[in-house]
């Protein structure tokens, strides 16, 4: 069983027990979250695609951790001018474990 959900303008393919990495989000750790924007879900041989969302389907998850992602190195360079600038960035993230996929 899997589902494709929409969260914060992005689409994620999820299964029960999977962990997804979302951009920084408001819920605190150990809090339950519900994703009701399910674009598609499949159980056994039954496949249902929404127009745009599947009615009656929802995915519940639990926030595991809030923190920062791995560092992304930004290196700016201009040839022949001796211009080099190196900076970094760590994007805030929220890890969510998918607990249950429900549908009609």
N, C-alpha and C. Protein backbone atom coordinates (compact mmCIF):
# COMPACT_ATOMS: atom_id res chain seq x y z
N UNK A 1 0.85 -1.16 0.00
CA UNK A 1 0.00 0.00 0.00
C UNK A 1 0.90 1.24 0.00
N UNK A 2 0.58 2.18 -0.87
CA UNK A 2 1.31 3.44 -0.89
C UNK A 2 0.36 4.55 -1.30
N UNK A 3 0.81 5.78 -1.09
CA UNK A 3 0.02 6.95 -1.46
C UNK A 3 0.96 8.05 -1.91
N UNK A 4 0.43 8.95 -2.70
CA UNK A 4 1.17 10.14 -3.09
C UNK A 4 0.43 11.33 -2.47
N UNK A 5 1.15 12.06 -1.62
CA UNK A 5 0.54 13.17 -0.91
C UNK A 5 1.16 14.49 -1.35
N UNK A 6 0.43 15.55 -1.09
CA UNK A 6 0.95 16.89 -1.34
C UNK A 6 1.13 17.58 -0.01
N UNK A 7 2.33 18.07 0.24
CA UNK A 7 2.62 18.79 1.49
C UNK A 7 3.54 19.95 1.16
N UNK A 8 3.13 21.15 1.52
CA UNK A 8 3.90 22.36 1.31
C UNK A 8 4.26 22.58 -0.16
N UNK A 9 3.34 22.23 -1.05
CA UNK A 9 3.54 22.46 -2.47
C UNK A 9 4.41 21.43 -3.16
N UNK A 10 4.80 20.37 -2.47
CA UNK A 10 5.62 19.31 -3.07
C UNK A 10 4.89 17.99 -2.93
N UNK A 11 5.25 17.03 -3.78
CA UNK A 11 4.61 15.72 -3.76
C UNK A 11 5.57 14.67 -3.23
N UNK A 12 5.05 13.76 -2.41
CA UNK A 12 5.85 12.72 -1.79
C UNK A 12 5.15 11.38 -1.94
N UNK A 13 5.90 10.35 -2.31
CA UNK A 13 5.37 8.98 -2.33
C UNK A 13 5.68 8.37 -0.97
N UNK A 14 4.63 7.93 -0.26
CA UNK A 14 4.80 7.44 1.10
C UNK A 14 4.20 6.05 1.26
N UNK A 15 4.75 5.30 2.20
CA UNK A 15 4.22 4.01 2.62
C UNK A 15 4.15 4.04 4.14
N UNK A 16 3.41 3.12 4.72
CA UNK A 16 3.34 3.05 6.17
C UNK A 16 4.73 2.70 6.71
N UNK A 17 5.19 3.47 7.67
CA UNK A 17 6.50 3.24 8.26
C UNK A 17 7.62 4.03 7.61
N UNK A 18 7.36 4.66 6.47
CA UNK A 18 8.41 5.42 5.81
C UNK A 18 8.61 6.77 6.49
N UNK A 19 9.78 7.34 6.32
CA UNK A 19 10.11 8.63 6.91
C UNK A 19 10.34 9.63 5.78
N UNK A 20 9.65 10.77 5.86
CA UNK A 20 9.82 11.80 4.83
C UNK A 20 10.44 13.04 5.46
N UNK A 21 11.18 13.76 4.64
CA UNK A 21 11.87 14.96 5.08
C UNK A 21 11.17 16.16 4.46
N UNK A 22 10.49 16.96 5.30
CA UNK A 22 9.76 18.13 4.84
C UNK A 22 10.55 19.39 5.17
N UNK A 23 10.25 20.46 4.46
CA UNK A 23 10.82 21.75 4.83
C UNK A 23 10.32 22.11 6.22
N UNK A 24 11.00 23.02 6.89
CA UNK A 24 10.66 23.38 8.26
C UNK A 24 9.17 23.67 8.38
N UNK A 25 8.57 23.14 9.45
CA UNK A 25 7.13 23.16 9.58
C UNK A 25 6.76 23.42 11.04
N UNK A 26 5.55 23.86 11.32
CA UNK A 26 5.16 24.30 12.65
C UNK A 26 5.00 23.22 13.72
N UNK A 27 4.49 22.02 13.44
CA UNK A 27 4.23 21.07 14.53
C UNK A 27 5.49 20.75 15.34
N UNK A 28 5.29 20.54 16.63
CA UNK A 28 6.40 20.20 17.52
C UNK A 28 6.68 18.70 17.46
N UNK A 29 7.78 18.27 18.09
CA UNK A 29 8.14 16.86 18.10
C UNK A 29 7.09 16.03 18.82
N UNK A 30 6.92 14.80 18.37
CA UNK A 30 5.95 13.84 18.91
C UNK A 30 4.50 14.24 18.66
N UNK A 31 4.26 15.25 17.86
CA UNK A 31 2.89 15.67 17.55
C UNK A 31 2.40 14.92 16.30
N UNK A 32 1.11 14.62 16.27
CA UNK A 32 0.53 13.91 15.12
C UNK A 32 0.10 14.92 14.06
N UNK A 33 0.37 14.58 12.80
CA UNK A 33 -0.03 15.44 11.68
C UNK A 33 -0.88 14.63 10.72
N UNK A 34 -1.81 15.31 10.05
CA UNK A 34 -2.70 14.66 9.11
C UNK A 34 -2.55 15.32 7.75
N UNK A 35 -2.30 14.51 6.75
CA UNK A 35 -2.22 14.99 5.37
C UNK A 35 -3.50 14.57 4.66
N UNK A 36 -4.37 15.53 4.35
CA UNK A 36 -5.62 15.19 3.69
C UNK A 36 -5.57 15.46 2.20
N UNK A 37 -4.47 15.98 1.71
CA UNK A 37 -4.31 16.20 0.27
C UNK A 37 -3.61 14.98 -0.34
N UNK A 38 -4.39 13.94 -0.56
CA UNK A 38 -3.89 12.69 -1.14
C UNK A 38 -4.20 12.72 -2.63
N UNK A 39 -3.17 12.70 -3.45
CA UNK A 39 -3.35 12.76 -4.90
C UNK A 39 -3.69 11.39 -5.49
N UNK A 40 -3.12 10.32 -4.90
CA UNK A 40 -3.35 8.97 -5.40
C UNK A 40 -3.02 8.00 -4.28
N UNK A 41 -3.73 6.88 -4.25
CA UNK A 41 -3.36 5.83 -3.33
C UNK A 41 -3.68 4.47 -3.91
N UNK A 42 -2.92 3.47 -3.50
CA UNK A 42 -3.08 2.11 -4.02
C UNK A 42 -3.05 1.13 -2.86
N UNK A 43 -4.04 0.23 -2.87
CA UNK A 43 -4.10 -0.84 -1.88
C UNK A 43 -4.40 -2.12 -2.63
N UNK A 44 -3.53 -3.10 -2.49
CA UNK A 44 -3.60 -4.36 -3.23
C UNK A 44 -3.66 -4.05 -4.73
N UNK A 45 -4.77 -4.38 -5.40
CA UNK A 45 -4.89 -4.11 -6.83
C UNK A 45 -5.75 -2.88 -7.11
N UNK A 46 -6.33 -2.28 -6.07
CA UNK A 46 -7.19 -1.12 -6.26
C UNK A 46 -6.34 0.15 -6.31
N UNK A 47 -6.50 0.90 -7.38
CA UNK A 47 -5.77 2.16 -7.57
C UNK A 47 -6.78 3.27 -7.74
N UNK A 48 -6.63 4.33 -6.94
CA UNK A 48 -7.56 5.45 -7.05
C UNK A 48 -6.77 6.73 -7.23
N UNK A 49 -7.13 7.47 -8.28
CA UNK A 49 -6.47 8.73 -8.60
C UNK A 49 -7.47 9.85 -8.37
N UNK A 50 -7.04 10.90 -7.70
CA UNK A 50 -7.93 12.00 -7.38
C UNK A 50 -8.00 13.04 -8.47
N UNK A 51 -9.04 13.86 -8.40
CA UNK A 51 -9.25 14.93 -9.38
C UNK A 51 -9.56 16.22 -8.65
N UNK A 52 -8.69 16.95 -8.05
CA UNK A 52 -7.25 16.71 -7.92
C UNK A 52 -6.90 15.84 -6.71
N UNK A 53 -7.79 15.73 -5.72
CA UNK A 53 -7.49 14.93 -4.52
C UNK A 53 -8.50 13.80 -4.37
N UNK A 54 -8.06 12.72 -3.72
CA UNK A 54 -8.93 11.58 -3.46
C UNK A 54 -9.79 11.92 -2.25
N UNK A 55 -11.11 11.85 -2.42
CA UNK A 55 -12.01 12.16 -1.32
C UNK A 55 -12.04 11.02 -0.33
N UNK A 56 -12.02 11.36 0.95
CA UNK A 56 -12.09 10.36 2.01
C UNK A 56 -10.76 9.70 2.34
N UNK A 57 -9.71 10.05 1.63
CA UNK A 57 -8.41 9.46 1.92
C UNK A 57 -7.59 10.43 2.75
N UNK A 58 -6.83 9.87 3.70
CA UNK A 58 -5.96 10.70 4.51
C UNK A 58 -4.78 9.89 5.01
N UNK A 59 -3.70 10.57 5.26
CA UNK A 59 -2.47 9.94 5.73
C UNK A 59 -2.10 10.61 7.04
N UNK A 60 -1.85 9.80 8.07
CA UNK A 60 -1.45 10.35 9.35
C UNK A 60 0.01 10.01 9.63
N UNK A 61 0.68 10.92 10.28
CA UNK A 61 2.08 10.72 10.60
C UNK A 61 2.42 11.33 11.94
N UNK A 62 3.65 11.13 12.37
CA UNK A 62 4.11 11.63 13.65
C UNK A 62 5.45 12.34 13.43
N UNK A 63 5.58 13.54 13.99
CA UNK A 63 6.81 14.31 13.84
C UNK A 63 7.89 13.66 14.70
N UNK A 64 9.00 13.26 14.06
CA UNK A 64 10.10 12.65 14.79
C UNK A 64 11.07 13.69 15.32
N UNK A 65 11.46 14.62 14.43
CA UNK A 65 12.51 15.55 14.81
C UNK A 65 12.44 16.80 13.95
N UNK A 66 12.81 17.90 14.55
CA UNK A 66 12.99 19.14 13.80
C UNK A 66 14.45 19.52 13.93
N UNK A 67 15.03 19.96 12.84
CA UNK A 67 16.45 20.30 12.89
C UNK A 67 16.90 20.92 11.59
N UNK A 68 18.18 20.68 11.28
CA UNK A 68 18.75 21.22 10.05
C UNK A 68 19.26 20.08 9.18
N UNK A 69 19.20 20.29 7.87
CA UNK A 69 19.65 19.32 6.88
C UNK A 69 21.16 19.42 6.74
N UNK A 70 21.73 18.60 5.87
CA UNK A 70 23.16 18.66 5.58
C UNK A 70 23.50 20.00 4.94
N UNK A 71 24.75 20.41 5.10
CA UNK A 71 25.18 21.69 4.58
C UNK A 71 25.30 21.65 3.06
N UNK A 72 24.81 22.71 2.42
CA UNK A 72 24.94 22.90 0.98
C UNK A 72 26.00 23.96 0.78
N UNK A 73 27.06 23.65 0.05
CA UNK A 73 28.15 24.59 -0.18
C UNK A 73 27.83 25.44 -1.41
N UNK A 74 27.94 26.76 -1.23
CA UNK A 74 27.72 27.69 -2.32
C UNK A 74 29.07 28.31 -2.65
N UNK A 75 29.56 28.09 -3.87
CA UNK A 75 30.88 28.59 -4.27
C UNK A 75 30.71 29.48 -5.49
N UNK A 76 31.04 30.76 -5.32
CA UNK A 76 30.97 31.71 -6.42
C UNK A 76 32.38 31.93 -6.95
N UNK A 77 32.50 32.05 -8.27
CA UNK A 77 33.81 32.12 -8.90
C UNK A 77 33.72 32.92 -10.19
N UNK A 78 34.67 33.82 -10.37
CA UNK A 78 34.78 34.55 -11.64
C UNK A 78 36.20 34.37 -12.16
N UNK A 79 36.32 33.88 -13.37
CA UNK A 79 37.67 33.63 -13.90
C UNK A 79 38.44 34.92 -14.17
N UNK A 80 39.75 34.85 -14.06
CA UNK A 80 40.70 35.91 -14.41
C UNK A 80 40.63 37.14 -13.51
N UNK A 81 39.81 37.12 -12.47
CA UNK A 81 39.67 38.30 -11.61
C UNK A 81 40.07 37.97 -10.17
N UNK A 82 40.39 36.71 -9.91
CA UNK A 82 40.73 36.23 -8.57
C UNK A 82 39.58 36.47 -7.59
N UNK A 83 38.35 36.22 -8.04
CA UNK A 83 37.17 36.35 -7.19
C UNK A 83 36.67 34.97 -6.85
N UNK A 84 36.73 34.63 -5.57
CA UNK A 84 36.22 33.36 -5.08
C UNK A 84 35.52 33.62 -3.75
N UNK A 85 34.32 33.12 -3.62
CA UNK A 85 33.56 33.30 -2.39
C UNK A 85 32.88 31.99 -2.04
N UNK A 86 33.16 31.46 -0.87
CA UNK A 86 32.59 30.19 -0.45
C UNK A 86 31.73 30.43 0.80
N UNK A 87 30.46 30.04 0.71
CA UNK A 87 29.55 30.13 1.85
C UNK A 87 28.78 28.82 1.94
N UNK A 88 28.06 28.65 3.01
CA UNK A 88 27.26 27.44 3.19
C UNK A 88 25.87 27.78 3.68
N UNK A 89 25.00 26.77 3.61
CA UNK A 89 23.62 26.95 4.03
C UNK A 89 23.08 25.63 4.54
N UNK A 90 22.38 25.66 5.66
CA UNK A 90 21.72 24.47 6.19
C UNK A 90 20.24 24.75 6.29
N UNK A 91 19.46 24.03 5.48
CA UNK A 91 18.01 24.23 5.40
C UNK A 91 17.33 23.59 6.61
N UNK A 92 16.44 24.33 7.30
CA UNK A 92 15.69 23.72 8.39
C UNK A 92 14.71 22.67 7.85
N UNK A 93 14.61 21.53 8.54
CA UNK A 93 13.76 20.43 8.08
C UNK A 93 12.93 19.88 9.25
N UNK A 94 11.92 19.09 8.88
CA UNK A 94 11.11 18.34 9.83
C UNK A 94 11.00 16.91 9.33
N UNK A 95 11.35 15.94 10.16
CA UNK A 95 11.22 14.53 9.79
C UNK A 95 9.90 13.99 10.31
N UNK A 96 9.15 13.32 9.42
CA UNK A 96 7.83 12.80 9.77
C UNK A 96 7.79 11.31 9.41
N UNK A 97 7.37 10.48 10.38
CA UNK A 97 7.18 9.05 10.11
C UNK A 97 5.70 8.83 9.79
N UNK A 98 5.43 8.14 8.68
CA UNK A 98 4.05 7.86 8.26
C UNK A 98 3.54 6.68 9.08
N UNK A 99 2.45 6.91 9.80
CA UNK A 99 1.87 5.90 10.67
C UNK A 99 0.78 5.08 9.97
N UNK A 100 -0.14 5.78 9.27
CA UNK A 100 -1.32 5.10 8.76
C UNK A 100 -1.80 5.76 7.47
N UNK A 101 -2.23 4.94 6.52
CA UNK A 101 -2.85 5.42 5.27
C UNK A 101 -4.28 4.89 5.28
N UNK A 102 -5.24 5.82 5.24
CA UNK A 102 -6.64 5.44 5.30
C UNK A 102 -7.34 5.90 4.04
N UNK A 103 -8.32 5.12 3.60
CA UNK A 103 -9.12 5.48 2.44
C UNK A 103 -10.40 4.69 2.39
N UNK A 104 -11.31 5.16 1.57
CA UNK A 104 -12.60 4.48 1.44
C UNK A 104 -12.56 3.41 0.39
